[in-house]
């Protein structure tokens, strides 16, 4: 049986428990600069404190103990210590060259802990989740307020960095790949592109989890998408095991958004919120019992297939959650909806009662000589104005066509 089939079978029988915060547990160790450096990087030219992903190389025993503590508390899924383990984020420390090694080592540590836990309780298999974080640069937003069109990174660079991270996680023994804490859908699309390319080139497929972040009670991601638009934009991810939400908000603030996702997603859903909203000291105050009680309510209401906890949580939260969800039936996903779905910041669903839809057709290299000329001249700013003009004239969707044999 493939990993995907095995996990799908388990998800049909019970709610699976995802572990809690890695960063919170690392903070408990109060590691100093020399601890992050270890003997190997003692002479590194810049500060390394705060580079948690590096600890898989310099403090592996501590990371292994964190995994064990979550597994001992009941977690079925244990996440690798790789939230920022890709070249783009590691550039802050000048450690781009070590990104692949960090992922391999992190996956191996989680693998060791998960295999030991499975051996101790063979009727409760444990799985390694390769954590792929959102990156510290965004493709949709400019870091320069004076230049809204500027980007600090390219799509190809983001895709390539994620490709290297994925390769390391798989080589280290990950069972699942989790693109998580998504606030920029375009970054996540680059991760999905990397997943597709890796699966094709390596002739291997692994289950994929997608998890986004709603930044406030408006119910939107940082780039402005609603939950339904977010789902529509990433529902094409390959080997999709689950789709969910995490981080940003506390448990009680998540109900509306997980309800919406549960209504539309024909896949299993996941939810792992923060332990409350940060207090004035930057800490998190939701107790294990409180989080478990709220998540159990969501589960009884048929909203969850995978549940866990995010920032501020500990193995005590995982233990309380495991006990609270025991025996609660998992959510039954709705049947797939085969209607055409498009999304910008809002969803556009072609329902039977939908009025006439205006589709802009001028962004077409075979149908518009002007657009074709602008594209071949690499004048993308002016080409974009063709799309903008159609929107201003009432188009609800834009058909972008680059189908020309000599056009790269």
Protein backbone atom coordinates (compact mmCIF):
# COMPACT_ATOMS: atom_id res chain seq x y z
CA UNK A 1 0.00 0.00 0.00
CA UNK A 2 1.33 3.47 -0.90
CA UNK A 3 1.86 6.08 1.81
CA UNK A 4 -1.02 8.13 0.38
CA UNK A 5 -3.44 5.17 0.44
CA UNK A 6 -2.34 4.22 3.96
CA UNK A 7 -2.86 7.73 5.25
CA UNK A 8 -6.20 8.10 3.48
CA UNK A 9 -7.34 4.88 5.13
CA UNK A 10 -6.30 6.13 8.56
CA UNK A 11 -7.98 9.51 7.98
CA UNK A 12 -11.23 7.75 7.17
CA UNK A 13 -11.15 5.98 10.53
CA UNK A 14 -9.96 8.64 12.97
CA UNK A 15 -8.65 12.17 13.39
CA UNK A 16 -4.87 12.24 13.15
CA UNK A 17 -2.81 14.34 15.55
CA UNK A 18 -0.10 16.65 14.23
CA UNK A 19 2.65 17.70 16.64
CA UNK A 20 3.06 21.20 18.10
CA UNK A 21 5.50 24.09 17.90
CA UNK A 22 9.16 23.37 17.29
CA UNK A 23 10.23 26.96 17.96
CA UNK A 24 8.57 27.09 21.37
CA UNK A 25 10.44 24.00 22.48
CA UNK A 26 13.74 25.29 21.10
CA UNK A 27 13.26 28.51 23.08
CA UNK A 28 13.01 26.44 26.27
CA UNK A 29 16.63 25.39 25.74
CA UNK A 30 17.76 29.05 25.78
CA UNK A 31 20.52 28.29 23.30
CA UNK A 32 23.28 30.92 23.06
CA UNK A 33 25.31 31.92 20.02
CA UNK A 34 27.92 29.24 20.67
CA UNK A 35 25.22 26.58 20.85
CA UNK A 36 23.91 27.51 17.41
CA UNK A 37 27.44 27.50 16.02
CA UNK A 38 28.60 24.26 17.59
CA UNK A 39 32.14 23.09 16.91
CA UNK A 40 31.61 22.93 13.15
CA UNK A 41 30.66 26.60 12.68
CA UNK A 42 32.60 28.11 15.58
CA UNK A 43 34.42 30.51 13.28
CA UNK A 44 31.43 31.52 11.12
CA UNK A 45 31.79 35.15 10.08
CA UNK A 46 28.24 36.28 11.02
CA UNK A 47 25.85 35.66 13.90
CA UNK A 48 23.91 32.39 13.75
CA UNK A 49 21.71 32.79 16.80
CA UNK A 50 18.05 32.34 15.82
CA UNK A 51 18.80 30.00 12.92
CA UNK A 52 16.71 27.19 14.36
CA UNK A 53 17.04 24.98 11.29
CA UNK A 54 20.82 24.88 11.81
CA UNK A 55 20.30 23.16 15.17
CA UNK A 56 19.56 19.90 13.33
CA UNK A 57 23.29 19.94 12.48
CA UNK A 58 24.76 21.50 15.63
CA UNK A 59 22.35 20.31 18.37
CA UNK A 60 20.78 17.13 16.93
CA UNK A 61 20.20 15.52 20.34
CA UNK A 62 17.97 18.43 21.40
CA UNK A 63 15.91 18.28 18.20
CA UNK A 64 15.54 14.52 18.53
CA UNK A 65 14.31 14.92 22.12
CA UNK A 66 11.69 17.46 20.98
CA UNK A 67 10.38 15.00 18.39
CA UNK A 68 10.26 12.24 21.00
CA UNK A 69 8.37 14.43 23.45
CA UNK A 70 5.62 15.14 20.89
CA UNK A 71 5.40 11.50 19.83
CA UNK A 72 5.22 10.37 23.46
CA UNK A 73 2.35 12.83 23.90
CA UNK A 74 0.31 11.14 21.17
CA UNK A 75 1.28 12.77 17.87
CA UNK A 76 0.74 10.66 14.75
CA UNK A 77 2.53 13.16 12.51
CA UNK A 78 5.88 14.68 13.49
CA UNK A 79 7.15 17.74 11.58
CA UNK A 80 10.77 18.28 10.59
CA UNK A 81 12.80 21.22 11.90
CA UNK A 82 12.96 22.85 8.46
CA UNK A 83 10.62 25.85 8.51
CA UNK A 84 13.30 28.13 6.99
CA UNK A 85 15.64 25.49 5.59
CA UNK A 86 15.87 26.73 2.02
CA UNK A 87 18.45 28.88 0.28
CA UNK A 88 16.40 32.09 0.11
CA UNK A 89 15.84 32.28 3.89
CA UNK A 90 19.26 30.88 4.78
CA UNK A 91 20.85 33.74 2.84
CA UNK A 92 20.24 35.87 5.95
CA UNK A 93 22.98 33.84 7.63
CA UNK A 94 25.12 33.24 4.54
CA UNK A 95 24.28 29.54 4.81
CA UNK A 96 22.58 28.87 1.48
CA UNK A 97 25.05 26.07 0.72
CA UNK A 98 23.88 24.09 3.76
CA UNK A 99 20.14 24.10 3.01
CA UNK A 100 20.06 20.62 1.47
CA UNK A 101 22.09 19.15 4.33
CA UNK A 102 19.81 20.76 6.92
CA UNK A 103 16.78 19.12 5.33
CA UNK A 104 18.38 15.69 5.12
CA UNK A 105 19.54 15.83 8.74
CA UNK A 106 16.23 17.17 10.01
CA UNK A 107 14.22 14.48 8.21
CA UNK A 108 16.58 11.79 9.50
CA UNK A 109 16.10 12.96 13.09
CA UNK A 110 12.30 12.95 12.75
CA UNK A 111 12.50 9.57 10.99
CA UNK A 112 14.53 8.08 13.84
CA UNK A 113 12.03 9.31 16.43
CA UNK A 114 8.98 8.24 14.41
CA UNK A 115 10.33 4.75 13.69
CA UNK A 116 11.12 4.19 17.36
CA UNK A 117 7.60 5.27 18.35
CA UNK A 118 6.03 2.99 15.73
CA UNK A 119 8.13 0.06 16.91
CA UNK A 120 6.91 0.64 20.47
CA UNK A 121 3.25 0.82 19.36
CA UNK A 122 2.90 -0.99 16.00
CA UNK A 123 -0.87 -0.48 15.95
CA UNK A 124 -0.27 3.31 15.89
CA UNK A 125 2.00 4.11 12.92
CA UNK A 126 3.84 7.42 13.01
CA UNK A 127 4.72 9.54 9.98
CA UNK A 128 7.36 12.16 9.20
CA UNK A 129 6.05 15.44 7.78
CA UNK A 130 8.59 17.48 5.83
CA UNK A 131 7.88 21.10 6.82
CA UNK A 132 8.19 23.64 3.99
CA UNK A 133 7.71 27.15 5.37
CA UNK A 134 6.55 30.33 3.61
CA UNK A 135 10.02 31.88 3.04
CA UNK A 136 11.15 35.33 4.19
CA UNK A 137 10.62 36.92 0.78
CA UNK A 138 7.33 37.26 -1.04
CA UNK A 139 6.51 37.15 -4.73
CA UNK A 140 3.28 39.13 -4.42
CA UNK A 141 4.37 42.10 -2.34
CA UNK A 142 7.13 44.66 -2.77
CA UNK A 143 9.61 45.21 0.09
CA UNK A 144 10.04 48.79 -1.23
CA UNK A 145 7.10 51.10 -0.48
CA UNK A 146 8.44 53.53 -3.11
CA UNK A 147 8.35 50.85 -5.83
CA UNK A 148 5.25 48.61 -5.65
CA UNK A 149 6.39 46.62 -8.69
CA UNK A 150 9.74 45.63 -7.21
CA UNK A 151 10.26 42.07 -5.97
CA UNK A 152 13.11 40.85 -3.79
CA UNK A 153 13.11 37.42 -5.44
CA UNK A 154 11.96 35.77 -8.66
CA UNK A 155 9.49 32.92 -9.14
CA UNK A 156 12.25 30.71 -10.54
CA UNK A 157 14.49 31.38 -7.54
CA UNK A 158 11.68 30.48 -5.12
CA UNK A 159 10.81 27.33 -7.08
CA UNK A 160 14.47 26.26 -7.24
CA UNK A 161 15.01 26.85 -3.51
CA UNK A 162 11.95 24.77 -2.69
CA UNK A 163 13.10 22.06 -5.13
CA UNK A 164 16.36 21.69 -3.23
CA UNK A 165 14.51 21.60 0.08
CA UNK A 166 12.08 18.95 -1.17
CA UNK A 167 14.96 16.80 -2.41
CA UNK A 168 16.64 16.99 1.00
CA UNK A 169 13.46 16.12 2.89
CA UNK A 170 12.77 13.11 0.68
CA UNK A 171 16.38 11.92 0.84
CA UNK A 172 16.17 12.18 4.63
CA UNK A 173 13.08 9.97 4.80
CA UNK A 174 9.99 12.22 4.93
CA UNK A 175 6.64 10.47 4.33
CA UNK A 176 4.61 13.64 3.67
CA UNK A 177 5.48 17.11 2.36
CA UNK A 178 3.73 20.05 4.06
CA UNK A 179 3.64 23.49 2.46
CA UNK A 180 2.59 25.48 5.51
CA UNK A 181 1.88 28.89 7.02
CA UNK A 182 1.12 30.21 3.53
CA UNK A 183 0.51 33.96 3.45
CA UNK A 184 1.53 34.50 -0.19
CA UNK A 185 -0.27 32.16 -2.58
CA UNK A 186 2.27 32.83 -5.33
CA UNK A 187 5.10 31.52 -3.14
CA UNK A 188 2.98 28.44 -2.52
CA UNK A 189 2.39 28.06 -6.25
CA UNK A 190 6.17 28.05 -6.69
CA UNK A 191 6.36 25.29 -4.05
CA UNK A 192 3.69 23.31 -5.91
CA UNK A 193 5.63 23.77 -9.15
CA UNK A 194 8.71 22.47 -7.35
CA UNK A 195 6.78 19.46 -6.06
CA UNK A 196 5.50 18.59 -9.53
CA UNK A 197 8.95 18.90 -11.06
CA UNK A 198 10.59 16.83 -8.33
CA UNK A 199 7.99 14.06 -8.52
CA UNK A 200 8.40 13.90 -12.28
CA UNK A 201 12.20 13.93 -12.28
CA UNK A 202 12.64 11.55 -9.34
CA UNK A 203 9.82 9.27 -10.50
CA UNK A 204 8.38 9.31 -6.98
CA UNK A 205 5.26 10.78 -5.38
CA UNK A 206 4.59 11.63 -1.75
CA UNK A 207 1.39 12.85 -0.10
CA UNK A 208 1.16 16.66 0.06
CA UNK A 209 -0.44 18.81 2.76
CA UNK A 210 -1.30 22.48 2.16
CA UNK A 211 -1.90 24.87 5.06
CA UNK A 212 -2.54 28.60 4.85
CA UNK A 213 -2.63 31.45 7.32
CA UNK A 214 -5.51 33.87 7.89
CA UNK A 215 -3.96 37.03 9.28
CA UNK A 216 -6.92 38.54 11.12
CA UNK A 217 -10.69 38.42 11.59
CA UNK A 218 -11.22 39.71 8.04
CA UNK A 219 -10.74 36.09 7.00
CA UNK A 220 -8.08 36.85 4.42
CA UNK A 221 -4.47 35.90 3.84
CA UNK A 222 -1.80 38.61 3.93
CA UNK A 223 -2.10 39.13 0.16
CA UNK A 224 -5.87 39.54 0.52
CA UNK A 225 -7.41 36.22 -0.53
CA UNK A 226 -10.51 34.78 1.12
CA UNK A 227 -10.46 31.17 2.30
CA UNK A 228 -12.39 29.97 -0.74
CA UNK A 229 -10.16 31.88 -3.17
CA UNK A 230 -7.11 30.44 -1.42
CA UNK A 231 -8.48 26.91 -1.80
CA UNK A 232 -9.29 27.50 -5.46
CA UNK A 233 -5.79 28.77 -6.17
CA UNK A 234 -4.02 25.72 -4.74
CA UNK A 235 -6.47 22.85 -5.15
CA UNK A 236 -4.35 21.62 -8.07
CA UNK A 237 -1.46 20.58 -5.79
CA UNK A 238 -0.33 17.03 -6.64
CA UNK A 239 -1.09 14.03 -4.40
CA UNK A 240 -3.14 16.28 -2.12
CA UNK A 241 -3.63 14.59 1.25
CA UNK A 242 -5.16 17.51 3.14
CA UNK A 243 -5.88 21.22 2.96
CA UNK A 244 -6.05 23.39 6.04
CA UNK A 245 -5.18 26.42 8.14
CA UNK A 246 -2.59 27.14 10.79
CA UNK A 247 -0.86 29.84 12.83
CA UNK A 248 -1.79 33.56 13.10
CA UNK A 249 -4.93 33.24 15.24
CA UNK A 250 -5.93 31.50 18.43
CA UNK A 251 -8.17 28.46 18.54
CA UNK A 252 -11.45 30.30 19.16
CA UNK A 253 -10.88 32.71 16.26
CA UNK A 254 -10.58 29.85 13.74
CA UNK A 255 -14.15 28.51 13.70
CA UNK A 256 -15.58 30.62 10.86
CA UNK A 257 -12.64 29.92 8.60
CA UNK A 258 -12.35 26.17 9.15
CA UNK A 259 -16.12 25.94 8.68
CA UNK A 260 -15.81 27.63 5.29
CA UNK A 261 -12.94 25.41 4.22
CA UNK A 262 -14.70 22.29 5.47
CA UNK A 263 -17.75 23.22 3.40
CA UNK A 264 -15.91 23.44 0.07
CA UNK A 265 -12.84 21.16 0.24
CA UNK A 266 -13.38 17.58 -0.99
CA UNK A 267 -10.10 16.64 0.73
CA UNK A 268 -9.43 16.02 4.44
CA UNK A 269 -9.00 19.26 6.39
CA UNK A 270 -6.32 20.18 8.91
CA UNK A 271 -6.20 22.83 11.61
CA UNK A 272 -3.37 23.75 13.94
CA UNK A 273 -3.84 27.21 15.48
CA UNK A 274 -1.59 29.17 17.80
CA UNK A 275 -1.97 28.85 21.54
CA UNK A 276 -4.00 32.07 21.56
CA UNK A 277 -3.07 35.52 20.31
CA UNK A 278 0.32 36.88 21.48
CA UNK A 279 0.16 38.82 24.74
CA UNK A 280 1.99 42.09 25.42
CA UNK A 281 5.18 40.12 26.15
CA UNK A 282 4.96 38.09 22.95
CA UNK A 283 3.88 34.94 24.79
CA UNK A 284 0.89 32.68 24.25
CA UNK A 285 -1.65 32.06 26.99
CA UNK A 286 -4.06 29.34 25.81
CA UNK A 287 -3.76 26.37 28.12
CA UNK A 288 -3.58 22.81 26.80
CA UNK A 289 -7.03 22.10 28.24
CA UNK A 290 -8.62 25.16 26.64
CA UNK A 291 -7.16 24.47 23.19
CA UNK A 292 -8.17 20.82 23.39
CA UNK A 293 -11.71 21.70 24.44
CA UNK A 294 -12.22 24.11 21.53
CA UNK A 295 -10.70 21.78 18.94
CA UNK A 296 -12.84 18.93 20.27
CA UNK A 297 -15.93 21.10 19.65
CA UNK A 298 -14.80 21.65 16.07
CA UNK A 299 -14.24 17.92 15.68
CA UNK A 300 -17.68 17.02 17.03
CA UNK A 301 -19.14 19.52 14.56
CA UNK A 302 -17.55 17.53 11.73
CA UNK A 303 -14.87 20.04 10.73
CA UNK A 304 -11.58 18.18 11.25
CA UNK A 305 -9.51 15.33 9.89
CA UNK A 306 -6.07 16.43 11.15
CA UNK A 307 -5.61 18.53 14.29
CA UNK A 308 -2.56 20.00 15.94
CA UNK A 309 -1.18 23.16 17.51
CA UNK A 310 1.17 25.91 16.34
CA UNK A 311 3.09 28.81 17.95
CA UNK A 312 3.27 28.76 21.72
CA UNK A 313 2.23 25.13 22.05
CA UNK A 314 4.08 22.29 23.78
CA UNK A 315 3.82 18.51 24.19
CA UNK A 316 1.34 19.21 26.98
CA UNK A 317 -0.99 20.70 24.37
CA UNK A 318 -0.51 17.64 22.15
CA UNK A 319 -1.31 15.29 25.02
CA UNK A 320 -4.49 17.17 25.95
CA UNK A 321 -5.56 17.26 22.31
CA UNK A 322 -4.93 13.55 21.83
CA UNK A 323 -7.11 12.72 24.82
CA UNK A 324 -9.87 15.18 23.88
CA UNK A 325 -10.22 13.91 20.29
CA UNK A 326 -10.08 10.23 21.13
CA UNK A 327 -13.18 8.52 19.79
CA UNK A 328 -14.55 11.51 17.86
CA UNK A 329 -15.38 10.57 14.28
CA UNK A 330 -13.43 12.34 11.53
CA UNK A 331 -15.04 14.77 9.10
CA UNK A 332 -16.54 13.27 5.95
CA UNK A 333 -15.41 15.44 3.00
CA UNK A 334 -18.05 16.54 0.49
CA UNK A 335 -18.13 15.08 -3.01
CA UNK A 336 -15.86 16.87 -5.50
CA UNK A 337 -17.40 19.88 -7.19
CA UNK A 338 -16.56 19.85 -10.90
CA UNK A 339 -17.78 23.35 -11.67
CA UNK A 340 -15.26 25.78 -13.10
CA UNK A 341 -13.61 27.72 -10.28
CA UNK A 342 -11.38 30.77 -10.70
CA UNK A 343 -9.88 33.03 -8.09
CA UNK A 344 -8.18 36.34 -7.63
CA UNK A 345 -8.72 37.85 -4.20
CA UNK A 346 -12.30 36.55 -4.40
CA UNK A 347 -13.58 33.27 -5.87
CA UNK A 348 -15.51 33.11 -9.13
CA UNK A 349 -17.55 29.90 -9.33
CA UNK A 350 -19.52 29.12 -12.50
CA UNK A 351 -22.77 28.16 -10.76
CA UNK A 352 -25.93 27.35 -12.68
CA UNK A 353 -27.52 30.60 -11.54
CA UNK A 354 -24.50 32.74 -12.46
CA UNK A 355 -25.19 35.66 -14.78
CA UNK A 356 -23.29 36.33 -17.99
CA UNK A 357 -19.52 36.32 -17.39
CA UNK A 358 -17.30 38.78 -19.24
CA UNK A 359 -13.90 37.29 -20.07
CA UNK A 360 -11.11 39.54 -21.33
CA UNK A 361 -9.57 38.00 -24.47
CA UNK A 362 -7.06 40.63 -25.58
CA UNK A 363 -4.15 39.25 -23.53
CA UNK A 364 -3.62 36.77 -26.35
CA UNK A 365 -0.47 36.58 -28.50
CA UNK A 366 -2.38 34.95 -31.38
CA UNK A 367 -5.43 37.22 -31.20
CA UNK A 368 -3.92 40.62 -30.45
CA UNK A 369 -1.03 41.97 -32.53
CA UNK A 370 -0.35 44.68 -29.98
CA UNK A 371 -0.18 42.24 -27.06
CA UNK A 372 2.02 39.86 -29.10
CA UNK A 373 4.41 42.70 -29.95
CA UNK A 374 4.65 43.83 -26.31
CA UNK A 375 5.40 40.30 -25.14
CA UNK A 376 8.07 39.65 -27.78
CA UNK A 377 9.65 43.01 -26.87
CA UNK A 378 9.61 42.05 -23.16
CA UNK A 379 7.54 45.15 -22.42
CA UNK A 380 5.54 43.44 -19.69
CA UNK A 381 4.48 46.62 -17.92
CA UNK A 382 2.69 47.88 -21.02
CA UNK A 383 1.33 44.37 -21.73
CA UNK A 384 -0.12 44.38 -18.23
CA UNK A 385 -1.99 47.56 -19.09
CA UNK A 386 -3.89 45.56 -21.73
CA UNK A 387 -5.18 43.27 -18.99
CA UNK A 388 -5.90 46.19 -16.67
CA UNK A 389 -7.93 47.96 -19.35
CA UNK A 390 -10.12 44.88 -19.83
CA UNK A 391 -10.80 44.68 -16.10
CA UNK A 392 -11.68 48.36 -15.99
CA UNK A 393 -14.11 47.71 -18.85
CA UNK A 394 -15.91 45.00 -16.91
CA UNK A 395 -14.05 41.73 -17.41
CA UNK A 396 -14.53 39.32 -14.49
CA UNK A 397 -11.76 37.01 -15.71
CA UNK A 398 -8.72 37.36 -17.97
CA UNK A 399 -7.72 34.74 -20.54
CA UNK A 400 -3.91 34.93 -20.86
CA UNK A 401 -2.76 33.05 -23.95
CA UNK A 402 0.95 32.56 -24.74
CA UNK A 403 0.34 29.73 -27.24
CA UNK A 404 2.78 30.57 -30.01
CA UNK A 405 5.33 28.09 -31.34
CA UNK A 406 8.36 30.43 -31.37
CA UNK A 407 7.63 32.16 -28.05
CA UNK A 408 9.64 31.11 -25.00
